[in-house]
Amino acid sequence: MRLYKATITPLSRFGTPLHGDTLFGQICWALRFIRGEERLNELLSLYGKRPFLIVSDAFAVGYLPKPKMPSFMLGESPRQKKENREKLWLTLDELQKGEFAKARSDKEIGSDTKTLYTMHNSLNYKTFMTSADGRFAPYEEEELSFGSREIYLLIDETQIGKEEIKEALRFVGESGYGKNATIGKGRFECGEFIEVKITNRSQYVMALSSFCAKKIPAIEIYGEPFVRFGKFGADRAYKKAFKRPLLLASCGSVVRFDSFFEKAYIGQAITGVSDFYTDAVHQGYAIAVPIGEAQ
């Protein structure tokens, strides 16, 4: 498998954060629209044993997240808990050298995500009134505004070429990602795929997206739980759209093994997320980056 990174440049606000498992799902829908359902089924038929694609969350350009380990393992001062929480970003080289105390804040690297709120009002389309008694019933909807971000893509090029993935990703950017895509949210441009070489090995690996920690033969896992309340998109969004909640390990979680970990990813495919759509598959994999021990 080959690891690539690509720059995502937003063209609009986003209604959904750029999470790897959500983006993987939308790439699958794009492949179905572009290449046909037979092609998608071919790729997913081996997904439980040989994933054709694993997508990371989106990160500040040139950086990766700080590992979610206890402060004493990161070389941080216990007297600066508030400051430590704001230190989010490290370079790949710093991660692999275990130089976690060099983490930087959004402000220090000039990266920021703004949360904005848009006011709406419910409308009853039978009566064309705001409510049964005509009262004004506003509600606010959260939107995200941010600059360029990098995503990582681990591709098995014996199953699918990077150009096919790039085509699907550009389709997602043009049609919109996540919530409220039909009204213009989640639009982006995707840059060229740049291959990333990771040569060092370690007993510690950090996940670049949320993942299923079940059955991982680990000594320890450091991180936070992440509950995914998934929903189907495209033509499945109108009937039995909601998936079962999934308990995952969050992006940035660290897994320690008893020897050097050789694979490029951790986790597993997740099936059974819906009784109605029995063919549904969720990305329970995460790209695994070997990291050093704190210095």
C-alpha atoms as a PDB file:
ATOM      1  CA  MET A   1       0.000   0.000   0.000  1.00  0.00           C
ATOM      2  CA  ARG A   2       1.154   3.546  -0.708  1.00  0.00           C
ATOM      3  CA  LEU A   3       0.594   6.583   1.473  1.00  0.00           C
ATOM      4  CA  TYR A   4      -0.300   9.928  -0.107  1.00  0.00           C
ATOM      5  CA  LYS A   5      -1.295  13.323   1.172  1.00  0.00           C
ATOM      6  CA  ALA A   6      -3.417  15.938  -0.560  1.00  0.00           C
ATOM      7  CA  THR A   7      -4.408  19.499   0.261  1.00  0.00           C
ATOM      8  CA  ILE A   8      -8.093  20.297   0.625  1.00  0.00           C
ATOM      9  CA  THR A   9      -8.951  23.960  -0.058  1.00  0.00           C
ATOM     10  CA  PRO A  10     -12.472  24.901   1.143  1.00  0.00           C
ATOM     11  CA  LEU A  11     -14.703  26.848  -1.239  1.00  0.00           C
ATOM     12  CA  SER A  12     -17.577  27.213   1.236  1.00  0.00           C
ATOM     13  CA  ARG A  13     -18.438  26.669   4.864  1.00  0.00           C
ATOM     14  CA  PHE A  14     -18.807  23.133   6.140  1.00  0.00           C
ATOM     15  CA  GLY A  15     -21.722  21.633   8.061  1.00  0.00           C
ATOM     16  CA  THR A  16     -19.707  18.543   9.062  1.00  0.00           C
ATOM     17  CA  PRO A  17     -16.067  18.295  10.265  1.00  0.00           C
ATOM     18  CA  LEU A  18     -13.666  16.570   7.855  1.00  0.00           C
ATOM     19  CA  HIS A  19     -13.460  13.121   9.454  1.00  0.00           C
ATOM     20  CA  GLY A  20     -11.791  10.238   7.652  1.00  0.00           C
ATOM     21  CA  ASP A  21     -14.602   7.712   8.038  1.00  0.00           C
ATOM     22  CA  THR A  22     -17.211  10.163   6.723  1.00  0.00           C
ATOM     23  CA  LEU A  23     -14.993  11.144   3.796  1.00  0.00           C
ATOM     24  CA  PHE A  24     -14.351   7.458   3.005  1.00  0.00           C
ATOM     25  CA  GLY A  25     -18.105   6.895   2.821  1.00  0.00           C
ATOM     26  CA  GLN A  26     -18.571   9.803   0.447  1.00  0.00           C
ATOM     27  CA  ILE A  27     -15.707   8.601  -1.764  1.00  0.00           C
ATOM     28  CA  CYS A  28     -17.492   5.241  -1.980  1.00  0.00           C
ATOM     29  CA  TRP A  29     -20.687   6.994  -3.097  1.00  0.00           C
ATOM     30  CA  ALA A  30     -18.674   8.952  -5.668  1.00  0.00           C
ATOM     31  CA  LEU A  31     -17.133   5.732  -7.033  1.00  0.00           C
ATOM     32  CA  ARG A  32     -20.631   4.288  -7.350  1.00  0.00           C
ATOM     33  CA  PHE A  33     -21.872   7.293  -9.313  1.00  0.00           C
ATOM     34  CA  ILE A  34     -18.780   7.517 -11.538  1.00  0.00           C
ATOM     35  CA  ARG A  35     -17.790   3.864 -12.041  1.00  0.00           C
ATOM     36  CA  GLY A  36     -21.005   2.031 -11.238  1.00  0.00           C
ATOM     37  CA  GLU A  37     -22.301  -0.147  -8.424  1.00  0.00           C
ATOM     38  CA  GLU A  38     -20.505  -3.248  -9.713  1.00  0.00           C
ATOM     39  CA  ARG A  39     -17.125  -1.538  -9.384  1.00  0.00           C
ATOM     40  CA  LEU A  40     -17.859  -0.418  -5.822  1.00  0.00           C
ATOM     41  CA  ASN A  41     -19.049  -3.892  -4.828  1.00  0.00           C
ATOM     42  CA  GLU A  42     -15.837  -5.349  -6.260  1.00  0.00           C
ATOM     43  CA  LEU A  43     -13.736  -3.039  -4.085  1.00  0.00           C
ATOM     44  CA  LEU A  44     -15.802  -3.645  -0.950  1.00  0.00           C
ATOM     45  CA  SER A  45     -15.828  -7.444  -1.375  1.00  0.00           C
ATOM     46  CA  LEU A  46     -12.280  -7.672   0.034  1.00  0.00           C
ATOM     47  CA  TYR A  47     -12.537  -4.702   2.383  1.00  0.00           C
ATOM     48  CA  GLY A  48     -12.716  -6.831   5.536  1.00  0.00           C
ATOM     49  CA  LYS A  49      -9.325  -8.400   4.749  1.00  0.00           C
ATOM     50  CA  ARG A  50      -7.624  -5.996   2.336  1.00  0.00           C
ATOM     51  CA  PRO A  51      -8.866  -2.392   2.477  1.00  0.00           C
ATOM     52  CA  PHE A  52      -8.478  -0.669  -0.890  1.00  0.00           C
ATOM     53  CA  LEU A  53      -8.456   2.767   0.771  1.00  0.00           C
ATOM     54  CA  ILE A  54      -8.103   4.285   4.244  1.00  0.00           C
ATOM     55  CA  VAL A  55      -8.683   8.017   4.699  1.00  0.00           C
ATOM     56  CA  SER A  56      -7.406  10.202   7.540  1.00  0.00           C
ATOM     57  CA  ASP A  57      -9.052  13.134   9.267  1.00  0.00           C
ATOM     58  CA  ALA A  58      -8.049  16.595   8.018  1.00  0.00           C
ATOM     59  CA  PHE A  59      -5.096  18.366   9.651  1.00  0.00           C
ATOM     60  CA  ALA A  60      -3.329  21.713   9.543  1.00  0.00           C
ATOM     61  CA  VAL A  61      -1.048  21.861   6.490  1.00  0.00           C
ATOM     62  CA  GLY A  62       2.384  20.463   7.351  1.00  0.00           C
ATOM     63  CA  TYR A  63       1.328  19.077  10.729  1.00  0.00           C
ATOM     64  CA  LEU A  64      -0.199  16.057  12.431  1.00  0.00           C
ATOM     65  CA  PRO A  65      -2.085  15.953  15.751  1.00  0.00           C
ATOM     66  CA  LYS A  66      -0.371  15.633  19.100  1.00  0.00           C
ATOM     67  CA  PRO A  67      -0.740  12.084  20.478  1.00  0.00           C
ATOM     68  CA  LYS A  68      -3.532  11.614  23.004  1.00  0.00           C
ATOM     69  CA  MET A  69      -1.374  10.312  25.811  1.00  0.00           C
ATOM     70  CA  PRO A  70      -0.993  11.432  29.446  1.00  0.00           C
ATOM     71  CA  SER A  71       1.010  14.637  29.914  1.00  0.00           C
ATOM     72  CA  PHE A  72       3.863  12.875  31.700  1.00  0.00           C
ATOM     73  CA  MET A  73       4.359  10.661  28.625  1.00  0.00           C
ATOM     74  CA  LEU A  74       4.477  13.735  26.379  1.00  0.00           C
ATOM     75  CA  GLY A  75       7.130  15.534  28.405  1.00  0.00           C
ATOM     76  CA  GLU A  76       4.716  18.328  29.325  1.00  0.00           C
ATOM     77  CA  SER A  77       4.762  20.324  32.518  1.00  0.00           C
ATOM     78  CA  PRO A  78       1.852  19.338  34.795  1.00  0.00           C
ATOM     79  CA  ARG A  79       1.701  22.991  35.932  1.00  0.00           C
ATOM     80  CA  GLN A  80       0.679  24.166  32.450  1.00  0.00           C
ATOM     81  CA  LYS A  81      -2.415  22.052  31.837  1.00  0.00           C
ATOM     82  CA  LYS A  82      -4.386  24.830  30.147  1.00  0.00           C
ATOM     83  CA  GLU A  83      -1.516  25.734  27.817  1.00  0.00           C
ATOM     84  CA  ASN A  84      -0.874  22.059  27.059  1.00  0.00           C
ATOM     85  CA  ARG A  85      -4.476  21.558  25.956  1.00  0.00           C
ATOM     86  CA  GLU A  86      -4.028  24.281  23.334  1.00  0.00           C
ATOM     87  CA  LYS A  87      -0.844  22.699  21.948  1.00  0.00           C
ATOM     88  CA  LEU A  88      -2.283  20.544  19.160  1.00  0.00           C
ATOM     89  CA  TRP A  89       0.192  20.181  16.312  1.00  0.00           C
ATOM     90  CA  LEU A  90       3.522  18.484  15.608  1.00  0.00           C
ATOM     91  CA  THR A  91       5.476  17.776  12.441  1.00  0.00           C
ATOM     92  CA  LEU A  92       5.907  14.187  11.299  1.00  0.00           C
ATOM     93  CA  ASP A  93       9.622  14.380  12.109  1.00  0.00           C
ATOM     94  CA  GLU A  94       8.918  15.579  15.677  1.00  0.00           C
ATOM     95  CA  LEU A  95       6.399  12.781  16.189  1.00  0.00           C
ATOM     96  CA  GLN A  96       8.834  10.142  15.076  1.00  0.00           C
ATOM     97  CA  LYS A  97      11.606  11.544  17.256  1.00  0.00           C
ATOM     98  CA  GLY A  98       9.320  11.718  20.299  1.00  0.00           C
ATOM     99  CA  GLU A  99       9.692  15.498  20.569  1.00  0.00           C
ATOM    100  CA  PHE A 100       6.125  15.959  21.777  1.00  0.00           C
ATOM    101  CA  ALA A 101       6.922  18.969  23.974  1.00  0.00           C
ATOM    102  CA  LYS A 102       7.417  21.002  20.773  1.00  0.00           C
ATOM    103  CA  ALA A 103       3.670  20.921  20.043  1.00  0.00           C
ATOM    104  CA  ARG A 104       2.201  24.193  18.793  1.00  0.00           C
ATOM    105  CA  SER A 105      -1.189  25.853  19.092  1.00  0.00           C
ATOM    106  CA  ASP A 106      -3.487  26.892  16.235  1.00  0.00           C
ATOM    107  CA  LYS A 107      -2.408  30.483  16.778  1.00  0.00           C
ATOM    108  CA  GLU A 108       1.292  29.628  16.582  1.00  0.00           C
ATOM    109  CA  ILE A 109       0.958  27.949  13.191  1.00  0.00           C
ATOM    110  CA  GLY A 110      -1.622  30.373  11.807  1.00  0.00           C
ATOM    111  CA  SER A 111      -4.391  27.801  11.564  1.00  0.00           C
ATOM    112  CA  ASP A 112      -7.844  28.349  12.947  1.00  0.00           C
ATOM    113  CA  THR A 113     -11.322  26.865  12.703  1.00  0.00           C
ATOM    114  CA  LYS A 114     -14.200  29.254  13.298  1.00  0.00           C
ATOM    115  CA  THR A 115     -17.578  28.006  14.448  1.00  0.00           C
ATOM    116  CA  LEU A 116     -20.391  30.112  13.054  1.00  0.00           C
ATOM    117  CA  TYR A 117     -24.122  29.930  13.659  1.00  0.00           C
ATOM    118  CA  THR A 118     -26.886  30.544  11.130  1.00  0.00           C
ATOM    119  CA  MET A 119     -30.443  31.160  12.276  1.00  0.00           C
ATOM    120  CA  HIS A 120     -33.282  29.202  10.650  1.00  0.00           C
ATOM    121  CA  ASN A 121     -36.970  28.819  11.219  1.00  0.00           C
ATOM    122  CA  SER A 122     -39.051  25.660  10.866  1.00  0.00           C
ATOM    123  CA  LEU A 123     -41.753  25.680   8.211  1.00  0.00           C
ATOM    124  CA  ASN A 124     -44.725  23.335   7.997  1.00  0.00           C
ATOM    125  CA  TYR A 125     -45.045  22.599   4.279  1.00  0.00           C
ATOM    126  CA  LYS A 126     -48.678  21.539   4.646  1.00  0.00           C
ATOM    127  CA  THR A 127     -49.804  24.837   6.134  1.00  0.00           C
ATOM    128  CA  PHE A 128     -46.858  27.010   5.018  1.00  0.00           C
ATOM    129  CA  MET A 129     -46.753  28.397   8.540  1.00  0.00           C
ATOM    130  CA  THR A 130     -43.929  28.262  11.056  1.00  0.00           C
ATOM    131  CA  SER A 131     -45.932  26.092  13.436  1.00  0.00           C
ATOM    132  CA  ALA A 132     -49.464  24.861  14.050  1.00  0.00           C
ATOM    133  CA  ASP A 133     -50.330  28.013  15.983  1.00  0.00           C
ATOM    134  CA  GLY A 134     -48.241  30.360  13.823  1.00  0.00           C
ATOM    135  CA  ARG A 135     -45.590  31.083  16.431  1.00  0.00           C
ATOM    136  CA  PHE A 136     -42.046  32.030  15.426  1.00  0.00           C
ATOM    137  CA  ALA A 137     -39.791  29.058  16.290  1.00  0.00           C
ATOM    138  CA  PRO A 138     -36.197  29.825  15.307  1.00  0.00           C
ATOM    139  CA  TYR A 139     -33.235  27.505  15.753  1.00  0.00           C
ATOM    140  CA  GLU A 140     -29.535  27.876  15.060  1.00  0.00           C
ATOM    141  CA  GLU A 141     -27.360  25.642  12.906  1.00  0.00           C
ATOM    142  CA  GLU A 142     -23.621  25.239  13.350  1.00  0.00           C
ATOM    143  CA  GLU A 143     -21.221  25.774  10.442  1.00  0.00           C
ATOM    144  CA  LEU A 144     -17.432  25.575  10.241  1.00  0.00           C
ATOM    145  CA  SER A 145     -15.062  27.918   8.451  1.00  0.00           C
ATOM    146  CA  PHE A 146     -11.374  27.037   8.053  1.00  0.00           C
ATOM    147  CA  GLY A 147      -8.426  27.347   5.701  1.00  0.00           C
ATOM    148  CA  SER A 148      -6.583  24.686   3.750  1.00  0.00           C
ATOM    149  CA  ARG A 149      -6.211  21.253   5.340  1.00  0.00           C
ATOM    150  CA  GLU A 150      -4.229  18.110   4.537  1.00  0.00           C
ATOM    151  CA  ILE A 151      -5.642  14.621   4.374  1.00  0.00           C
ATOM    152  CA  TYR A 152      -3.738  11.342   4.095  1.00  0.00           C
ATOM    153  CA  LEU A 153      -4.844   8.455   1.905  1.00  0.00           C
ATOM    154  CA  LEU A 154      -3.486   4.914   2.146  1.00  0.00           C
ATOM    155  CA  ILE A 155      -4.200   3.209  -1.186  1.00  0.00           C
ATOM    156  CA  ASP A 156      -3.823  -0.413  -2.258  1.00  0.00           C
ATOM    157  CA  GLU A 157      -2.887   0.196  -5.868  1.00  0.00           C
ATOM    158  CA  THR A 158      -3.320  -3.471  -6.764  1.00  0.00           C
ATOM    159  CA  GLN A 159      -7.046  -2.835  -6.309  1.00  0.00           C
ATOM    160  CA  ILE A 160      -7.491   0.789  -7.344  1.00  0.00           C
ATOM    161  CA  GLY A 161      -5.307   3.484  -8.861  1.00  0.00           C
ATOM    162  CA  LYS A 162      -4.692   6.837  -7.221  1.00  0.00           C
ATOM    163  CA  GLU A 163      -6.206   8.602 -10.264  1.00  0.00           C
ATOM    164  CA  GLU A 164      -9.507   6.834  -9.637  1.00  0.00           C
ATOM    165  CA  ILE A 165      -9.469   7.952  -5.993  1.00  0.00           C
ATOM    166  CA  LYS A 166      -8.513  11.479  -7.053  1.00  0.00           C
ATOM    167  CA  GLU A 167     -11.424  11.574  -9.493  1.00  0.00           C
ATOM    168  CA  ALA A 168     -13.828  10.446  -6.762  1.00  0.00           C
ATOM    169  CA  LEU A 169     -12.455  12.972  -4.263  1.00  0.00           C
ATOM    170  CA  ARG A 170     -12.872  15.801  -6.740  1.00  0.00           C
ATOM    171  CA  PHE A 171     -16.438  14.639  -7.356  1.00  0.00           C
ATOM    172  CA  VAL A 172     -17.093  14.929  -3.606  1.00  0.00           C
ATOM    173  CA  GLY A 173     -15.584  18.423  -3.577  1.00  0.00           C
ATOM    174  CA  GLU A 174     -17.786  19.558  -6.447  1.00  0.00           C
ATOM    175  CA  SER A 175     -21.008  18.035  -5.119  1.00  0.00           C
ATOM    176  CA  GLY A 176     -20.378  18.893  -1.454  1.00  0.00           C
ATOM    177  CA  TYR A 177     -19.285  17.053   1.675  1.00  0.00           C
ATOM    178  CA  GLY A 178     -21.429  16.321   4.702  1.00  0.00           C
ATOM    179  CA  LYS A 179     -24.427  18.133   6.051  1.00  0.00           C
ATOM    180  CA  ASN A 180     -26.284  20.662   3.867  1.00  0.00           C
ATOM    181  CA  ALA A 181     -24.276  19.783   0.755  1.00  0.00           C
ATOM    182  CA  THR A 182     -27.456  20.288  -1.288  1.00  0.00           C
ATOM    183  CA  ILE A 183     -27.493  23.992  -0.377  1.00  0.00           C
ATOM    184  CA  GLY A 184     -23.816  24.595  -1.150  1.00  0.00           C
ATOM    185  CA  LYS A 185     -21.982  23.543   2.008  1.00  0.00           C
ATOM    186  CA  GLY A 186     -18.870  21.364   2.057  1.00  0.00           C
ATOM    187  CA  ARG A 187     -17.449  22.419  -1.322  1.00  0.00           C
ATOM    188  CA  PHE A 188     -13.690  22.136  -1.785  1.00  0.00           C
ATOM    189  CA  GLU A 189     -10.856  21.768  -4.266  1.00  0.00           C
ATOM    190  CA  CYS A 190      -8.402  18.880  -3.976  1.00  0.00           C
ATOM    191  CA  GLY A 191      -4.723  19.315  -4.817  1.00  0.00           C
ATOM    192  CA  GLU A 192      -2.282  16.784  -6.233  1.00  0.00           C
ATOM    193  CA  PHE A 193      -1.482  13.547  -4.404  1.00  0.00           C
ATOM    194  CA  ILE A 194       2.030  13.618  -2.925  1.00  0.00           C
ATOM    195  CA  GLU A 195       3.553  10.319  -1.839  1.00  0.00           C
ATOM    196  CA  VAL A 196       4.709  10.170   1.789  1.00  0.00           C
ATOM    197  CA  LYS A 197       7.509   7.817   2.802  1.00  0.00           C
ATOM    198  CA  ILE A 198       7.566   6.566   6.395  1.00  0.00           C
ATOM    199  CA  THR A 199      10.567   4.338   6.986  1.00  0.00           C
ATOM    200  CA  ASN A 200      11.085   4.122  10.737  1.00  0.00           C
ATOM    201  CA  ARG A 201       9.478   1.498  12.981  1.00  0.00           C
ATOM    202  CA  SER A 202       8.225   1.665  16.549  1.00  0.00           C
ATOM    203  CA  GLN A 203       6.250  -0.169  19.203  1.00  0.00           C
ATOM    204  CA  TYR A 204       4.050   2.955  19.394  1.00  0.00           C
ATOM    205  CA  VAL A 205       1.749   3.982  16.543  1.00  0.00           C
ATOM    206  CA  MET A 206      -0.688   6.894  16.350  1.00  0.00           C
ATOM    207  CA  ALA A 207      -3.991   6.710  14.480  1.00  0.00           C
ATOM    208  CA  LEU A 208      -4.819   9.397  11.906  1.00  0.00           C
ATOM    209  CA  SER A 209      -8.574   8.857  12.224  1.00  0.00           C
ATOM    210  CA  SER A 210     -11.031   7.163  14.557  1.00  0.00           C
ATOM    211  CA  PHE A 211     -10.865   3.354  14.442  1.00  0.00           C
ATOM    212  CA  CYS A 212     -12.268   0.129  15.855  1.00  0.00           C
ATOM    213  CA  ALA A 213      -9.960  -0.991  18.678  1.00  0.00           C
ATOM    214  CA  LYS A 214     -11.603  -4.396  19.000  1.00  0.00           C
ATOM    215  CA  LYS A 215      -9.255  -7.387  18.599  1.00  0.00           C
ATOM    216  CA  ILE A 216      -6.102  -5.262  18.328  1.00  0.00           C
ATOM    217  CA  PRO A 217      -3.311  -7.283  20.030  1.00  0.00           C
ATOM    218  CA  ALA A 218      -2.038  -4.269  21.946  1.00  0.00           C
ATOM    219  CA  ILE A 219      -0.332  -3.956  25.307  1.00  0.00           C
ATOM    220  CA  GLU A 220      -1.924  -0.550  25.904  1.00  0.00           C
ATOM    221  CA  ILE A 221      -4.133   1.943  24.073  1.00  0.00           C
ATOM    222  CA  TYR A 222      -4.014   5.624  25.015  1.00  0.00           C
ATOM    223  CA  GLY A 223      -6.716   7.960  23.786  1.00  0.00           C
ATOM    224  CA  GLU A 224     -10.321   9.017  24.064  1.00  0.00           C
ATOM    225  CA  PRO A 225     -13.568   7.294  23.074  1.00  0.00           C
ATOM    226  CA  PHE A 226     -15.438   8.660  20.083  1.00  0.00           C
ATOM    227  CA  VAL A 227     -19.082   7.811  19.438  1.00  0.00           C
ATOM    228  CA  ARG A 228     -20.054   7.914  15.783  1.00  0.00           C
ATOM    229  CA  PHE A 229     -23.740   8.572  15.132  1.00  0.00           C
ATOM    230  CA  GLY A 230     -23.713   7.748  11.440  1.00  0.00           C
ATOM    231  CA  LYS A 231     -26.244   8.468   8.732  1.00  0.00           C
ATOM    232  CA  PHE A 232     -26.556   7.236   5.167  1.00  0.00           C
ATOM    233  CA  GLY A 233     -26.281   9.683   2.325  1.00  0.00           C
ATOM    234  CA  ALA A 234     -27.324   9.964  -1.320  1.00  0.00           C
ATOM    235  CA  ASP A 235     -30.385   7.853  -2.226  1.00  0.00           C
ATOM    236  CA  ARG A 236     -30.326   6.099   1.161  1.00  0.00           C
ATOM    237  CA  ALA A 237     -30.816   9.332   3.067  1.00  0.00           C
ATOM    238  CA  TYR A 238     -34.598   9.228   2.684  1.00  0.00           C
ATOM    239  CA  LYS A 239     -35.444   5.846   4.193  1.00  0.00           C
ATOM    240  CA  LYS A 240     -33.972   4.190   7.315  1.00  0.00           C
ATOM    241  CA  ALA A 241     -31.131   6.704   7.128  1.00  0.00           C
ATOM    242  CA  PHE A 242     -29.670   6.397  10.625  1.00  0.00           C
ATOM    243  CA  LYS A 243     -26.992   3.826  11.435  1.00  0.00           C
ATOM    244  CA  ARG A 244     -26.310   2.156  14.743  1.00  0.00           C
ATOM    245  CA  PRO A 245     -24.029   4.215  17.034  1.00  0.00           C
ATOM    246  CA  LEU A 246     -20.416   3.035  16.987  1.00  0.00           C
ATOM    247  CA  LEU A 247     -17.928   3.289  19.856  1.00  0.00           C
ATOM    248  CA  LEU A 248     -14.506   4.013  18.377  1.00  0.00           C
ATOM    249  CA  ALA A 249     -11.085   5.132  19.527  1.00  0.00           C
ATOM    250  CA  SER A 250     -10.547   8.745  18.500  1.00  0.00           C
ATOM    251  CA  CYS A 251      -8.081  10.222  16.031  1.00  0.00           C
ATOM    252  CA  GLY A 252      -4.702  10.733  17.732  1.00  0.00           C
ATOM    253  CA  SER A 253      -5.065   7.655  19.931  1.00  0.00           C
ATOM    254  CA  VAL A 254      -1.844   5.701  20.461  1.00  0.00           C
ATOM    255  CA  VAL A 255      -1.465   1.929  20.458  1.00  0.00           C
ATOM    256  CA  ARG A 256       1.552   0.235  22.070  1.00  0.00           C
ATOM    257  CA  PHE A 257       2.567  -3.212  20.905  1.00  0.00           C
ATOM    258  CA  ASP A 258       5.061  -5.650  22.413  1.00  0.00           C
ATOM    259  CA  SER A 259       7.332  -5.398  19.330  1.00  0.00           C
ATOM    260  CA  PHE A 260       7.813  -3.221  16.267  1.00  0.00           C
ATOM    261  CA  PHE A 261       4.541  -2.799  14.410  1.00  0.00           C
ATOM    262  CA  GLU A 262       5.039  -3.421  10.701  1.00  0.00           C
ATOM    263  CA  LYS A 263       1.626  -2.709   9.137  1.00  0.00           C
ATOM    264  CA  ALA A 264       0.601   0.654   7.729  1.00  0.00           C
ATOM    265  CA  TYR A 265      -2.810   0.612   9.412  1.00  0.00           C
ATOM    266  CA  ILE A 266      -4.729  -0.616  12.451  1.00  0.00           C
ATOM    267  CA  GLY A 267      -8.363  -1.477  13.118  1.00  0.00           C
ATOM    268  CA  GLN A 268     -10.910  -3.399  11.077  1.00  0.00           C
ATOM    269  CA  ALA A 269     -13.895  -3.003   8.784  1.00  0.00           C
ATOM    270  CA  ILE A 270     -17.219  -2.577  10.576  1.00  0.00           C
ATOM    271  CA  THR A 271     -20.340  -4.264   9.244  1.00  0.00           C
ATOM    272  CA  GLY A 272     -23.835  -4.703  10.668  1.00  0.00           C
ATOM    273  CA  VAL A 273     -24.392  -0.959  11.100  1.00  0.00           C
ATOM    274  CA  SER A 274     -27.925  -1.259   9.688  1.00  0.00           C
ATOM    275  CA  ASP A 275     -30.566  -3.991   9.623  1.00  0.00           C
ATOM    276  CA  PHE A 276     -32.146  -2.411   6.547  1.00  0.00           C
ATOM    277  CA  TYR A 277     -29.005  -1.844   4.426  1.00  0.00           C
ATOM    278  CA  THR A 278     -27.144  -5.063   5.165  1.00  0.00           C
ATOM    279  CA  ASP A 279     -24.372  -4.356   2.650  1.00  0.00           C
ATOM    280  CA  ALA A 280     -23.221  -1.223   4.498  1.00  0.00           C
ATOM    281  CA  VAL A 281     -19.546  -1.052   5.531  1.00  0.00           C
ATOM    282  CA  HIS A 282     -17.938   1.511   7.829  1.00  0.00           C
ATOM    283  CA  GLN A 283     -14.263   2.488   7.840  1.00  0.00           C
ATOM    284  CA  GLY A 284     -13.039   1.101  11.155  1.00  0.00           C
ATOM    285  CA  TYR A 285      -9.430   1.293   9.957  1.00  0.00           C
ATOM    286  CA  ALA A 286      -6.931   4.075  10.619  1.00  0.00           C
ATOM    287  CA  ILE A 287      -3.583   4.924   9.076  1.00  0.00           C
ATOM    288  CA  ALA A 288      -0.908   4.100  11.675  1.00  0.00           C
ATOM    289  CA  VAL A 289       2.067   6.446  12.037  1.00  0.00           C
ATOM    290  CA  PRO A 290       4.996   5.099  14.096  1.00  0.00           C
ATOM    291  CA  ILE A 291       6.007   7.571  16.803  1.00  0.00           C
ATOM    292  CA  GLY A 292       8.887   7.725  19.263  1.00  0.00           C
ATOM    293  CA  GLU A 293       8.898   7.749  23.024  1.00  0.00           C
ATOM    294  CA  ALA A 294       8.983  11.121  24.777  1.00  0.00           C
ATOM    295  CA  GLN A 295      12.438  12.629  25.193  1.00  0.00           C
END
